[in-house]
Amino acid sequence: MSTLMQEEDDGHQGLGRATLLRALVELEQINPDGCVVLRAIRDQNRVITDFEFIFSNDVESMKLVQPGLVVGRRLSEAVPPAMNGRFAIFCQVVETRQPVKSEVYYPHCWFRSTVMPFLDGIIVRFQDVTALVRDELERKARLEREQSSRQEAEALVRNQAGQLQAAQEKLVQSGKLMVAGQLATGVGHEINNPLSFVTGNLHVALEQLGALSQELPPPSAERLRELTHALEDARKGAERIRTIVKELRTLARSSETHTGPVDVGAALEFSLSMAMPHIRHRAQVVRRLERVPRVLGNESRLGQVLLNLLINAAQAIPEGDATHHAITLSTRVEGSQVVIEVRDTGKGMSAEVLARIFEPFFTTKPPGEGTGLGLPISRDIIREMGGELRVQSELGRGSSFQVVLPVLDETMTPVVAPPVVKQQAPPRRRVLIIDDEPSIGSMMKRVLGRNHEVKVVHSGREALALLSADPGFDRVFCDLMMGDMTGMDLHAELARRQPDYLPRFIFMTGGAFTDRARAFLADASVTSLDKPFEPVTLREMVERLPPGGKGPDSR
C-alpha cells in the first residue's frame, strides 16, 4: 500500500517538475542571459554524487560557456575541470537552499554567475559582463597609468629640484668664491704695496749689514749678527704674509674653468698650507710624495678639491690627540695616471654612509657645519678634468680618498743644472720707476741704485712728460693702478706716441682686481711683475735687456 502511495506521489512530483520545466523553457528562451538547469543525482544514502543537465537555453553566452552542451549528460562528463571545480558550490546551494553569486572567467570573456536552488537541483544563470569588466579594467589601468605617470612626474620634479638646488648651491659657492676673490685681490693689493717696500728694505738692510759685519771687530760684529737675525726673522714673517695673500688669490680663482699643465706637488702643498689650521691640533702630516708628471687641469680648482679632502680628513679625527693620528699624503704614477691620495686615521665610514657620500646634500655633520655638497662638487671638478675620485673607508679605521688624473707629459723632463758662469759686474742701466707709492720708489732705488742710474716719479702724467723728453731709459717699471693715470692708460698713450718704448716696460701689480686690468696683463706683449717681489728678480730684469731694448752701447 505504501509503495503504491509513494509511486503515486512520485508521479505527482514528476508532473509538477515537468510543468515547471516547461514554464522555465518558455521563459528562458527569450532571456538574453545564459541559463542551465541541473538535477542533483544522489546515492542510496541521499548524498549528491553528480548533477545532470536537464535544460540549457541556446543563447550566445551559453555557446561560450559550454559549446555543444547535451541535455542528459552529467556534470562530470560534459564540462571542463574549471566548471567541475564548482561542484561543491552546487551541492551547497541544493542543501542550504541559498543562492550564491560569483564571477567566472573564460578566455576573453567574463560572466556573472548566479546559482539558485530549483526543485532537487539548481538553476545557473550566466550574465555576460565582458564589456563592463573590460571597461572597469581599462578604467583601473588608466588610473594606474595616471598614478604611475604622476609618481614619475613627482620623482622627476624632486630630482630636478634637487639638481636645481645643487646648481644653486654651486652658484652660491661660486659667488662666495668670486666675492672672496674680489676681496682677496683688493685686500691683497693694499697689503702687497706696503709689503713690497717692507721686504725690499729688509733685503737691502740685510745685505748692507752682512757687508758691514765683515769690516767690524768681532765684538761689534757679534752684536750686529743679532740684529741681522732679528731682521731675518722679520723678513721671513713678511714672506709668510706674501704667501698667504698669494694662496688666497689662488683659491679665489677656483671658479675659473681654463685648463693647463698643473704641478700636482705644488697644488698639494698649497692646499696643505691652507688646511694646516684645521690639521695641526688633530694629526701629524706624513708625506710620501713621489715625483710625478704634470696633469692637465685647473690648478685652483684642483687645490679646492684637495683642500676639501684635507679638511674632511681633519674633521674625521678628534681634537687633542695629534700624536696618535696621522694624515698621510702620497703621490704616485699608475700607468698613464697620476694618483693623489689623502689617507686619515679617523673614525671612518659605515658601508651605508659610504654608499651615499656623493649624493648632493647628504652629510653626517651636525646642522650648520656641512652642506653635503663638498664631495659631489669635488667629484664633478675631477670628472671635468678627465679623472675620477675614489674612496675606501672602514668604520673605526679611517678613510682614503684618491684623486686620479690623466698624465699630461708621458716622459719626465730631466732637470738640467744651469751652467756656472763667472760673475761679472752688471752693465750700468738707466732705470725709470713710476709708482704713486713713494716708499716703493725709495725701496727700489735702494735696491738698484748701487749699480744703476735710477729715476723715480710718482704719477703717470709726470712719467709721460719725462719719457717724451728723454727716450734713453733702458728699463721702465710702472705701477698698474695709479690715481691720476693708470699704467694701462700710459701704455695706450705711448703706443700712439712712442711705441718703441713699450718693450722696455714692466708693469708692477699688487693684484689685478678689475676686468680691464686682468685683460691687459693677459696680453702676451705685456711683461708684468707681481708685488711684493724679490730684489734679485728686480735686478735680473734690469740687467736682462728686453727684445729690441736699449743698452749702454746704444746710447
Protein backbone atom coordinates (compact mmCIF):
# COMPACT_ATOMS: atom_id res chain seq x y z
CA MET A 1 0.00 0.00 0.00
CA SER A 2 2.81 2.40 0.96
CA THR A 3 4.74 1.58 -2.18
CA LEU A 4 1.69 2.36 -4.26
CA MET A 5 1.25 5.68 -2.45
CA GLN A 6 4.98 6.54 -2.98
CA GLU A 7 4.72 5.83 -6.67
CA GLU A 8 1.60 8.00 -6.79
CA ASP A 9 3.44 10.84 -5.02
CA ASP A 10 6.41 10.46 -7.35
CA GLY A 11 4.06 10.71 -10.27
CA HIS A 12 2.52 13.91 -8.95
CA GLN A 13 6.02 15.36 -8.31
CA GLY A 14 7.22 14.38 -11.76
CA LEU A 15 4.18 16.05 -13.27
CA GLY A 16 4.93 19.17 -11.25
CA ARG A 17 8.57 19.18 -12.28
CA ALA A 18 7.63 18.77 -15.91
CA THR A 19 5.20 21.68 -15.68
CA LEU A 20 7.79 23.94 -14.02
CA LEU A 21 10.43 22.93 -16.51
CA ARG A 22 8.14 23.73 -19.48
CA ALA A 23 7.39 27.11 -17.99
CA LEU A 24 11.08 27.71 -17.42
CA VAL A 25 11.90 26.77 -21.02
CA GLU A 26 9.32 29.21 -22.38
CA LEU A 27 10.65 31.97 -20.12
CA GLU A 28 14.35 31.41 -20.67
CA GLN A 29 14.20 31.08 -24.44
CA ILE A 30 13.65 34.84 -24.68
CA ASN A 31 16.13 35.69 -21.90
CA PRO A 32 19.40 37.11 -23.31
CA ASP A 33 21.34 35.68 -20.37
CA GLY A 34 22.54 32.08 -20.36
CA CYS A 35 20.62 29.60 -18.26
CA VAL A 36 21.22 25.96 -17.39
CA VAL A 37 19.28 23.63 -15.08
CA LEU A 38 20.91 20.70 -13.36
CA ARG A 39 19.28 17.91 -11.37
CA ALA A 40 21.08 16.51 -8.36
CA ILE A 41 21.94 12.82 -8.54
CA ARG A 42 22.13 11.13 -5.15
CA ASP A 43 23.31 7.73 -4.00
CA GLN A 44 21.34 5.40 -1.73
CA ASN A 45 22.36 7.46 1.25
CA ARG A 46 20.90 10.60 -0.31
CA VAL A 47 24.37 12.09 -0.83
CA ILE A 48 24.78 14.13 -4.03
CA THR A 49 27.31 12.45 -6.26
CA ASP A 50 26.78 14.31 -9.55
CA PHE A 51 24.48 16.63 -11.47
CA GLU A 52 22.61 16.01 -14.70
CA PHE A 53 21.89 18.69 -17.28
CA ILE A 54 18.15 18.84 -17.90
CA PHE A 55 17.93 22.21 -19.68
CA SER A 56 20.13 24.82 -21.39
CA ASN A 57 18.94 27.77 -23.43
CA ASP A 58 20.62 28.39 -26.75
CA VAL A 59 21.92 31.95 -26.30
CA GLU A 60 25.35 33.19 -27.34
CA SER A 61 26.73 33.23 -23.80
CA MET A 62 25.99 29.50 -23.34
CA LYS A 63 27.90 28.73 -26.52
CA LEU A 64 30.91 30.42 -24.93
CA VAL A 65 30.46 28.73 -21.57
CA GLN A 66 29.83 25.22 -22.82
CA PRO A 67 29.75 24.73 -26.58
CA GLY A 68 27.87 21.63 -27.70
CA LEU A 69 26.17 21.09 -24.32
CA VAL A 70 23.99 17.98 -24.44
CA VAL A 71 20.98 17.72 -22.17
CA GLY A 72 21.04 14.44 -20.30
CA ARG A 73 24.78 14.36 -19.77
CA ARG A 74 26.25 14.58 -16.35
CA LEU A 75 28.35 17.44 -14.98
CA SER A 76 31.38 15.18 -14.54
CA GLU A 77 31.24 14.25 -18.24
CA ALA A 78 30.15 17.37 -20.01
CA VAL A 79 32.10 20.27 -18.53
CA PRO A 80 35.81 21.19 -18.25
CA PRO A 81 37.70 20.83 -14.95
CA ALA A 82 37.27 24.54 -14.25
CA MET A 83 33.49 24.08 -14.18
CA ASN A 84 33.79 20.77 -12.37
CA GLY A 85 35.53 22.67 -9.57
CA ARG A 86 32.19 24.36 -8.80
CA PHE A 87 30.62 21.05 -7.76
CA ALA A 88 30.95 21.91 -4.07
CA ILE A 89 29.16 25.23 -4.61
CA PHE A 90 26.30 23.49 -6.42
CA CYS A 91 25.92 20.98 -3.59
CA GLN A 92 25.91 23.83 -1.06
CA VAL A 93 23.07 25.63 -2.86
CA VAL A 94 20.97 22.44 -3.07
CA GLU A 95 21.40 21.62 0.58
CA THR A 96 21.10 25.15 2.05
CA ARG A 97 18.57 26.50 -0.49
CA GLN A 98 20.62 29.76 -0.50
CA PRO A 99 21.74 31.30 -3.79
CA VAL A 100 25.42 32.00 -4.50
CA LYS A 101 26.80 34.72 -6.80
CA SER A 102 30.24 34.76 -8.34
CA GLU A 103 32.18 35.76 -11.42
CA VAL A 104 33.55 33.26 -13.89
CA TYR A 105 36.30 33.99 -16.40
CA TYR A 106 36.62 32.21 -19.70
CA PRO A 107 39.19 33.07 -22.36
CA HIS A 108 38.48 36.65 -23.47
CA CYS A 109 35.14 36.92 -21.64
CA TRP A 110 33.70 37.36 -18.14
CA PHE A 111 30.37 36.09 -16.73
CA ARG A 112 28.49 36.96 -13.60
CA SER A 113 27.10 33.67 -12.33
CA THR A 114 24.05 33.22 -10.04
CA VAL A 115 23.37 29.72 -8.70
CA MET A 116 19.85 29.26 -7.23
CA PRO A 117 18.01 26.22 -5.89
CA PHE A 118 15.41 24.66 -8.21
CA LEU A 119 13.47 21.59 -7.11
CA ASP A 120 16.10 18.97 -6.26
CA GLY A 121 18.77 20.74 -8.26
CA ILE A 122 19.90 24.21 -9.34
CA ILE A 123 19.45 26.90 -11.94
CA VAL A 124 22.65 28.62 -13.05
CA ARG A 125 22.27 31.96 -14.81
CA PHE A 126 25.21 33.45 -16.73
CA GLN A 127 25.24 37.17 -17.46
CA ASP A 128 27.87 38.27 -19.97
CA VAL A 129 29.63 41.19 -18.30
CA THR A 130 32.70 41.22 -20.56
CA ALA A 131 32.09 44.78 -21.74
CA LEU A 132 31.55 46.02 -18.18
CA VAL A 133 34.61 44.21 -16.84
CA ARG A 134 36.76 45.44 -19.70
CA ASP A 135 35.60 48.99 -19.11
CA GLU A 136 36.41 48.63 -15.42
CA LEU A 137 39.78 47.07 -16.13
CA GLU A 138 40.57 49.81 -18.60
CA ARG A 139 39.49 52.40 -16.05
CA LYS A 140 41.74 50.83 -13.41
CA ALA A 141 44.62 50.54 -15.88
CA ARG A 142 44.13 54.17 -16.85
CA LEU A 143 44.13 55.21 -13.19
CA GLU A 144 47.26 53.12 -12.58
CA ARG A 145 48.94 54.72 -15.59
CA GLU A 146 47.92 58.14 -14.39
CA GLN A 147 49.17 57.36 -10.90
CA SER A 148 52.40 55.93 -12.29
CA SER A 149 52.83 58.99 -14.53
CA ARG A 150 52.10 61.24 -11.57
CA GLN A 151 54.63 59.40 -9.43
CA GLU A 152 57.19 59.56 -12.23
CA ALA A 153 56.48 63.27 -12.65
CA GLU A 154 56.79 63.83 -8.91
CA ALA A 155 60.05 61.87 -8.86
CA LEU A 156 61.29 63.89 -11.84
CA VAL A 157 60.29 67.13 -10.12
CA ARG A 158 62.07 66.05 -6.92
CA ASN A 159 65.15 65.05 -8.91
CA GLN A 160 65.17 68.28 -10.90
CA ALA A 161 64.51 70.28 -7.76
CA GLY A 162 67.49 68.57 -6.16
CA GLN A 163 69.61 69.28 -9.21
CA LEU A 164 68.42 72.88 -9.24
CA GLN A 165 69.21 73.26 -5.56
CA ALA A 166 72.62 71.71 -6.13
CA ALA A 167 73.19 74.09 -9.04
CA GLN A 168 72.06 76.99 -6.87
CA GLU A 169 74.45 75.89 -4.14
CA LYS A 170 77.22 75.72 -6.73
CA LEU A 171 76.33 79.21 -7.89
CA VAL A 172 76.29 80.40 -4.29
CA GLN A 173 79.65 78.73 -3.76
CA SER A 174 80.98 80.30 -6.96
CA GLY A 175 79.53 83.63 -5.86
CA LYS A 176 81.22 83.31 -2.49
CA LEU A 177 84.47 82.43 -4.19
CA MET A 178 84.05 85.35 -6.57
CA VAL A 179 83.44 87.70 -3.66
CA ALA A 180 86.36 86.12 -1.83
CA GLY A 181 88.44 86.60 -4.96
CA GLN A 182 87.48 90.24 -5.24
CA LEU A 183 88.12 90.74 -1.55
CA ALA A 184 91.42 88.87 -1.65
CA THR A 185 92.54 90.78 -4.72
CA GLY A 186 91.52 94.15 -3.31
CA VAL A 187 92.94 93.48 0.13
CA GLY A 188 95.96 91.80 -1.43
CA HIS A 189 96.66 94.93 -3.46
CA GLU A 190 96.54 97.04 -0.34
CA ILE A 191 98.77 94.57 1.53
CA ASN A 192 101.21 93.90 -1.28
CA ASN A 193 102.10 97.55 -1.83
CA PRO A 194 103.42 98.19 1.71
CA LEU A 195 104.73 94.63 1.86
CA SER A 196 106.86 95.36 -1.20
CA PHE A 197 108.81 98.13 0.45
CA VAL A 198 108.96 96.21 3.76
CA THR A 199 110.54 93.13 2.14
CA GLY A 200 112.69 95.21 -0.19
CA ASN A 201 114.07 97.40 2.55
CA LEU A 202 114.66 94.37 4.78
CA HIS A 203 116.65 92.80 1.97
CA VAL A 204 118.73 95.94 1.48
CA ALA A 205 119.33 96.24 5.23
CA LEU A 206 120.38 92.59 5.48
CA GLU A 207 122.77 92.96 2.54
CA GLN A 208 124.40 96.05 3.97
CA LEU A 209 124.60 94.61 7.50
CA GLY A 210 126.21 91.46 6.09
CA ALA A 211 128.85 93.53 4.32
CA LEU A 212 129.37 95.72 7.39
CA SER A 213 129.81 92.76 9.73
CA GLN A 214 132.83 91.70 7.66
CA GLU A 215 134.53 95.05 8.34
CA LEU A 216 133.85 95.37 12.10
CA PRO A 217 135.84 93.89 15.00
CA PRO A 218 134.42 90.65 16.48
CA PRO A 219 132.53 92.17 19.49
CA SER A 220 130.74 94.70 17.30
CA ALA A 221 130.19 92.11 14.55
CA GLU A 222 128.57 89.77 17.10
CA ARG A 223 126.09 92.46 18.17
CA LEU A 224 125.45 93.17 14.51
CA ARG A 225 124.74 89.48 13.85
CA GLU A 226 121.98 89.51 16.50
CA LEU A 227 120.43 92.48 14.72
CA THR A 228 120.78 90.61 11.44
CA HIS A 229 118.98 87.58 12.89
CA ALA A 230 116.11 89.81 14.07
CA LEU A 231 115.76 91.37 10.63
CA GLU A 232 115.94 87.93 9.02
CA ASP A 233 113.04 86.78 11.21
CA ALA A 234 111.11 89.88 10.15
CA ARG A 235 111.85 89.09 6.51
CA LYS A 236 110.55 85.53 6.98
CA GLY A 237 107.38 86.89 8.57
CA ALA A 238 106.85 89.24 5.64
CA GLU A 239 107.44 86.36 3.25
CA ARG A 240 104.80 84.35 5.08
CA ILE A 241 102.30 87.20 4.68
CA ARG A 242 103.06 87.29 0.96
CA THR A 243 102.48 83.54 0.66
CA ILE A 244 99.13 83.73 2.47
CA VAL A 245 97.87 86.53 0.22
CA LYS A 246 99.01 84.64 -2.87
CA GLU A 247 97.26 81.47 -1.74
CA LEU A 248 94.03 83.32 -1.01
CA ARG A 249 94.08 84.73 -4.50
CA THR A 250 94.78 81.29 -5.97
CA LEU A 251 91.89 79.71 -4.05
CA ALA A 252 89.53 82.52 -5.03
CA ARG A 253 90.25 81.83 -8.71
CA SER A 254 88.73 78.31 -8.40
CA SER A 255 85.59 79.48 -10.22
CA GLU A 256 87.70 79.86 -13.38
CA THR A 257 87.49 76.94 -15.80
CA HIS A 258 90.53 77.30 -18.07
CA THR A 259 92.89 74.34 -18.07
CA GLY A 260 96.61 73.94 -18.45
CA PRO A 261 99.59 71.99 -17.09
CA VAL A 262 99.31 71.56 -13.32
CA ASP A 263 102.12 70.73 -10.92
CA VAL A 264 100.46 68.21 -8.60
CA GLY A 265 103.04 68.63 -5.85
CA ALA A 266 102.64 72.42 -5.80
CA ALA A 267 98.84 72.15 -5.72
CA LEU A 268 99.03 69.68 -2.83
CA GLU A 269 101.44 71.83 -0.82
CA PHE A 270 99.28 74.89 -1.40
CA SER A 271 96.16 73.08 -0.18
CA LEU A 272 98.04 71.68 2.82
CA SER A 273 99.21 75.12 3.88
CA MET A 274 95.60 76.36 3.77
CA ALA A 275 94.33 73.33 5.72
CA MET A 276 97.01 73.30 8.43
CA PRO A 277 94.95 75.38 10.93
CA HIS A 278 92.43 72.51 10.87
CA ILE A 279 95.05 69.75 11.00
CA ARG A 280 97.84 70.72 13.40
CA HIS A 281 95.89 70.04 16.63
CA ARG A 282 94.34 66.80 15.33
CA ALA A 283 97.01 64.84 13.43
CA GLN A 284 100.57 64.69 12.19
CA VAL A 285 101.15 65.10 8.46
CA VAL A 286 103.08 62.29 6.77
CA ARG A 287 104.38 62.95 3.25
CA ARG A 288 105.08 60.07 0.84
CA LEU A 289 105.45 62.07 -2.32
CA GLU A 290 106.99 60.70 -5.48
CA ARG A 291 107.99 62.96 -8.32
CA VAL A 292 105.13 62.72 -10.80
CA PRO A 293 104.41 64.26 -14.21
CA ARG A 294 102.18 67.24 -14.63
CA VAL A 295 98.47 66.74 -15.28
CA LEU A 296 96.07 68.69 -17.46
CA GLY A 297 93.63 70.62 -15.33
CA ASN A 298 92.93 73.80 -13.42
CA GLU A 299 95.35 74.46 -10.57
CA SER A 300 92.98 76.48 -8.38
CA ARG A 301 90.07 74.04 -8.81
CA LEU A 302 92.34 71.07 -8.06
CA GLY A 303 93.51 72.99 -4.99
CA GLN A 304 89.88 73.46 -3.97
CA VAL A 305 89.28 69.68 -4.18
CA LEU A 306 92.43 68.80 -2.22
CA LEU A 307 91.65 71.42 0.41
CA ASN A 308 88.17 69.93 0.85
CA LEU A 309 89.62 66.41 1.23
CA LEU A 310 92.21 67.60 3.75
CA ILE A 311 89.65 69.45 5.88
CA ASN A 312 87.34 66.42 5.77
CA ALA A 313 90.22 64.21 6.89
CA ALA A 314 90.97 66.57 9.77
CA GLN A 315 87.33 66.73 10.84
CA ALA A 316 87.17 62.92 10.94
CA ILE A 317 89.84 62.93 13.69
CA PRO A 318 89.12 64.03 17.27
CA GLU A 319 90.91 67.09 18.63
CA GLY A 320 93.72 66.97 21.15
CA ASP A 321 95.41 63.67 20.24
CA ALA A 322 97.64 64.63 17.33
CA THR A 323 100.47 62.31 18.35
CA HIS A 324 98.31 59.21 17.81
CA HIS A 325 96.74 60.24 14.50
CA ALA A 326 98.11 60.92 11.04
CA ILE A 327 97.01 62.30 7.71
CA THR A 328 99.18 60.73 5.02
CA LEU A 329 99.67 62.44 1.68
CA SER A 330 101.06 60.45 -1.21
CA THR A 331 101.55 60.87 -4.94
CA ARG A 332 102.41 58.13 -7.40
CA VAL A 333 102.08 57.13 -11.03
CA GLU A 334 99.80 54.25 -12.04
CA GLY A 335 100.12 53.56 -15.74
CA SER A 336 99.16 56.74 -17.57
CA GLN A 337 97.58 58.30 -14.49
CA VAL A 338 98.72 60.30 -11.51
CA VAL A 339 97.20 59.34 -8.15
CA ILE A 340 96.99 61.82 -5.27
CA GLU A 341 95.95 60.11 -2.04
CA VAL A 342 94.73 61.65 1.22
CA ARG A 343 94.53 58.99 3.96
CA ASP A 344 93.45 59.57 7.56
CA THR A 345 93.25 57.52 10.75
CA GLY A 346 89.88 58.98 11.73
CA LYS A 347 86.55 57.42 12.54
CA GLY A 348 85.91 56.01 9.06
CA MET A 349 82.51 55.34 7.49
CA SER A 350 80.00 52.52 7.52
CA ALA A 351 79.02 50.81 4.26
CA GLU A 352 75.67 52.64 4.34
CA VAL A 353 77.30 56.06 4.68
CA LEU A 354 80.00 55.21 2.12
CA ALA A 355 77.30 54.37 -0.46
CA ARG A 356 75.79 57.86 -0.12
CA ILE A 357 78.71 60.26 0.33
CA PHE A 358 78.50 61.56 -3.25
CA GLU A 359 74.75 62.26 -3.00
CA PRO A 360 74.08 66.01 -3.02
CA PHE A 361 73.09 67.34 0.43
CA PHE A 362 73.94 64.09 2.22
CA THR A 363 76.06 64.84 5.27
CA THR A 364 76.81 63.25 8.61
CA LYS A 365 77.95 66.55 10.11
CA PRO A 366 75.79 68.44 12.61
CA PRO A 367 73.34 71.04 11.18
CA GLY A 368 75.13 74.20 10.17
CA GLU A 369 78.54 72.53 9.78
CA GLY A 370 78.17 70.98 6.35
CA THR A 371 76.06 71.40 3.22
CA GLY A 372 76.65 67.89 1.86
CA LEU A 373 77.95 69.39 -1.39
CA GLY A 374 81.72 69.32 -0.87
CA LEU A 375 82.30 65.79 -2.15
CA PRO A 376 79.73 65.90 -5.02
CA ILE A 377 81.24 69.17 -6.27
CA SER A 378 84.76 67.78 -5.85
CA ARG A 379 83.86 64.70 -7.89
CA ASP A 380 82.35 66.89 -10.62
CA ILE A 381 85.51 69.03 -10.76
CA ILE A 382 87.76 65.98 -11.10
CA ARG A 383 85.49 64.45 -13.75
CA GLU A 384 85.65 67.71 -15.72
CA MET A 385 89.44 67.26 -15.73
CA GLY A 386 89.03 63.75 -17.17
CA GLY A 387 89.76 62.00 -13.88
CA GLU A 388 87.93 60.26 -11.08
CA LEU A 389 87.60 60.47 -7.30
CA ARG A 390 87.87 57.12 -5.47
CA VAL A 391 87.23 56.33 -1.83
CA GLN A 392 87.77 53.44 0.58
CA SER A 393 86.79 53.51 4.22
CA GLU A 394 86.45 51.23 7.19
CA LEU A 395 84.44 52.15 10.25
CA GLY A 396 86.77 52.87 13.14
CA ARG A 397 89.92 52.61 10.98
CA GLY A 398 89.86 55.69 8.77
CA SER A 399 89.31 56.67 5.14
CA SER A 400 91.33 57.07 1.96
CA PHE A 401 90.43 59.36 -0.95
CA GLN A 402 92.33 59.12 -4.23
CA VAL A 403 92.25 61.77 -6.92
CA VAL A 404 93.15 60.08 -10.21
CA LEU A 405 94.07 62.31 -13.17
CA PRO A 406 95.50 61.57 -16.63
CA VAL A 407 99.17 62.35 -17.16
CA LEU A 408 99.93 65.34 -19.36
CA ASP A 409 103.57 64.54 -20.09
CA GLU A 410 104.42 60.90 -20.85
CA THR A 411 108.08 61.41 -20.04
CA MET A 412 109.69 63.38 -17.28
CA THR A 413 111.85 66.26 -18.46
CA PRO A 414 115.24 65.98 -16.72
CA VAL A 415 116.26 68.97 -14.70
CA VAL A 416 119.46 70.37 -16.16
CA ALA A 417 121.54 72.50 -13.84
CA PRO A 418 122.33 75.90 -15.34
CA PRO A 419 125.93 76.31 -16.44
CA VAL A 420 128.19 78.03 -13.96
CA VAL A 421 129.06 81.46 -15.28
CA LYS A 422 131.73 83.63 -13.74
CA GLN A 423 130.01 86.57 -12.06
CA GLN A 424 130.77 89.85 -13.75
CA ALA A 425 129.82 93.35 -12.78
CA PRO A 426 126.40 94.14 -14.29
CA PRO A 427 126.22 96.75 -17.02
CA ARG A 428 125.01 100.10 -15.81
CA ARG A 429 121.45 100.91 -16.94
CA ARG A 430 119.17 103.88 -16.81
CA VAL A 431 116.01 102.89 -14.93
CA LEU A 432 112.74 104.78 -14.54
CA ILE A 433 110.36 103.86 -11.71
CA ILE A 434 106.73 105.05 -11.89
CA ASP A 435 104.67 104.44 -8.73
CA ASP A 436 102.33 106.65 -6.73
CA GLU A 437 103.52 104.93 -3.53
CA PRO A 438 106.68 106.89 -2.59
CA SER A 439 108.00 104.17 -0.29
CA ILE A 440 108.06 101.65 -3.11
CA GLY A 441 110.04 104.01 -5.33
CA SER A 442 112.50 104.68 -2.49
CA MET A 443 112.93 100.95 -1.81
CA MET A 444 113.52 100.15 -5.49
CA LYS A 445 116.07 102.94 -5.74
CA ARG A 446 117.94 101.48 -2.77
CA VAL A 447 117.93 98.02 -4.36
CA LEU A 448 119.06 99.20 -7.79
CA GLY A 449 120.87 102.46 -7.10
CA ARG A 450 124.30 100.99 -6.37
CA ASN A 451 124.72 99.62 -9.89
CA HIS A 452 122.31 101.65 -11.99
CA GLU A 453 121.11 105.18 -12.59
CA VAL A 454 117.57 105.30 -11.12
CA LYS A 455 114.93 108.00 -11.59
CA VAL A 456 111.66 107.86 -9.59
CA VAL A 457 108.42 109.68 -10.48
CA HIS A 458 105.07 109.39 -8.70
CA SER A 459 102.43 109.85 -11.43
CA GLY A 460 101.67 108.59 -14.89
CA ARG A 461 101.38 112.07 -16.36
CA GLU A 462 104.77 113.08 -14.98
CA ALA A 463 106.23 109.92 -16.49
CA LEU A 464 104.63 110.61 -19.88
CA ALA A 465 106.16 114.07 -19.99
CA LEU A 466 109.57 112.72 -18.93
CA LEU A 467 109.55 109.91 -21.48
CA SER A 468 108.58 112.29 -24.26
CA ALA A 469 111.60 114.43 -23.44
CA ASP A 470 114.04 111.59 -22.67
CA PRO A 471 113.94 108.44 -24.83
CA GLY A 472 117.06 106.98 -23.21
CA PHE A 473 115.73 104.84 -20.36
CA ASP A 474 116.73 101.18 -20.70
CA ARG A 475 114.07 99.79 -18.34
CA VAL A 476 110.83 101.26 -17.05
CA PHE A 477 108.97 99.85 -14.02
CA CYS A 478 105.39 101.17 -13.95
CA ASP A 479 102.69 100.55 -11.36
CA LEU A 480 99.49 99.29 -12.96
CA MET A 481 96.93 101.07 -10.79
CA MET A 482 97.64 104.75 -10.13
CA GLY A 483 95.31 107.58 -9.27
CA ASP A 484 95.92 110.23 -11.95
CA MET A 485 96.75 107.94 -14.87
CA THR A 486 96.82 104.15 -14.77
CA GLY A 487 99.62 102.09 -16.23
CA MET A 488 97.15 100.89 -18.85
CA ASP A 489 96.37 104.45 -19.94
CA LEU A 490 100.08 105.28 -20.08
CA HIS A 491 100.65 102.18 -22.22
CA ALA A 492 97.90 103.24 -24.62
CA GLU A 493 99.29 106.75 -24.90
CA LEU A 494 102.83 105.52 -25.55
CA ALA A 495 101.53 103.04 -28.14
CA ARG A 496 100.32 106.10 -30.03
CA ARG A 497 103.29 108.38 -29.39
CA GLN A 498 106.41 106.24 -28.72
CA PRO A 499 105.66 102.55 -29.41
CA ASP A 500 109.40 101.72 -29.38
CA TYR A 501 109.39 102.35 -25.62
CA LEU A 502 106.83 99.64 -24.81
CA PRO A 503 109.19 96.57 -24.87
CA ARG A 504 111.20 98.22 -22.09
CA PHE A 505 108.17 98.45 -19.78
CA ILE A 506 107.47 96.13 -16.85
CA PHE A 507 104.10 96.67 -15.15
CA MET A 508 104.04 96.09 -11.40
CA THR A 509 100.81 94.94 -9.74
CA GLY A 510 99.70 94.11 -6.23
CA GLY A 511 96.64 92.37 -7.68
CA ALA A 512 94.58 92.91 -10.83
CA PHE A 513 91.09 93.40 -9.41
CA THR A 514 89.30 94.80 -12.48
CA ASP A 515 88.37 93.03 -15.71
CA ARG A 516 90.30 95.61 -17.70
CA ALA A 517 93.46 95.06 -15.63
CA ARG A 518 93.19 91.27 -15.95
CA ALA A 519 92.69 91.50 -19.71
CA PHE A 520 95.63 93.90 -20.01
CA LEU A 521 98.00 91.61 -18.11
CA ALA A 522 96.83 88.61 -20.15
CA ASP A 523 98.16 90.27 -23.32
CA ALA A 524 101.22 88.33 -24.44
CA SER A 525 103.10 91.55 -25.29
CA VAL A 526 102.84 92.86 -21.71
CA THR A 527 105.52 91.98 -19.15
CA SER A 528 104.37 92.08 -15.53
CA LEU A 529 105.86 91.73 -12.05
CA ASP A 530 103.79 90.78 -9.01
CA LYS A 531 104.28 92.68 -5.78
CA PRO A 532 105.95 92.03 -3.45
CA PHE A 533 108.95 90.94 -5.49
CA GLU A 534 112.38 89.65 -4.62
CA PRO A 535 115.22 92.17 -5.06
CA VAL A 536 117.17 89.56 -7.03
CA THR A 537 114.28 89.35 -9.50
CA LEU A 538 114.25 93.12 -9.81
CA ARG A 539 117.98 93.22 -10.56
CA GLU A 540 117.75 90.41 -13.11
CA MET A 541 115.02 92.24 -15.01
CA VAL A 542 117.16 95.34 -15.20
CA GLU A 543 120.27 93.52 -16.28
CA ARG A 544 118.44 91.43 -18.89
CA LEU A 545 117.78 93.57 -21.93
CA PRO A 546 114.28 93.29 -23.46
CA PRO A 547 113.97 92.31 -27.14
CA GLY A 548 114.82 95.43 -29.12
CA GLY A 549 115.71 97.25 -25.91
CA LYS A 550 118.50 99.72 -25.40
CA GLY A 551 121.82 99.10 -23.78
CA PRO A 552 124.71 101.28 -22.79
CA ASP A 553 126.31 100.85 -26.15
CA SER A 554 123.23 102.07 -27.98
CA ARG A 555 123.03 105.44 -26.27
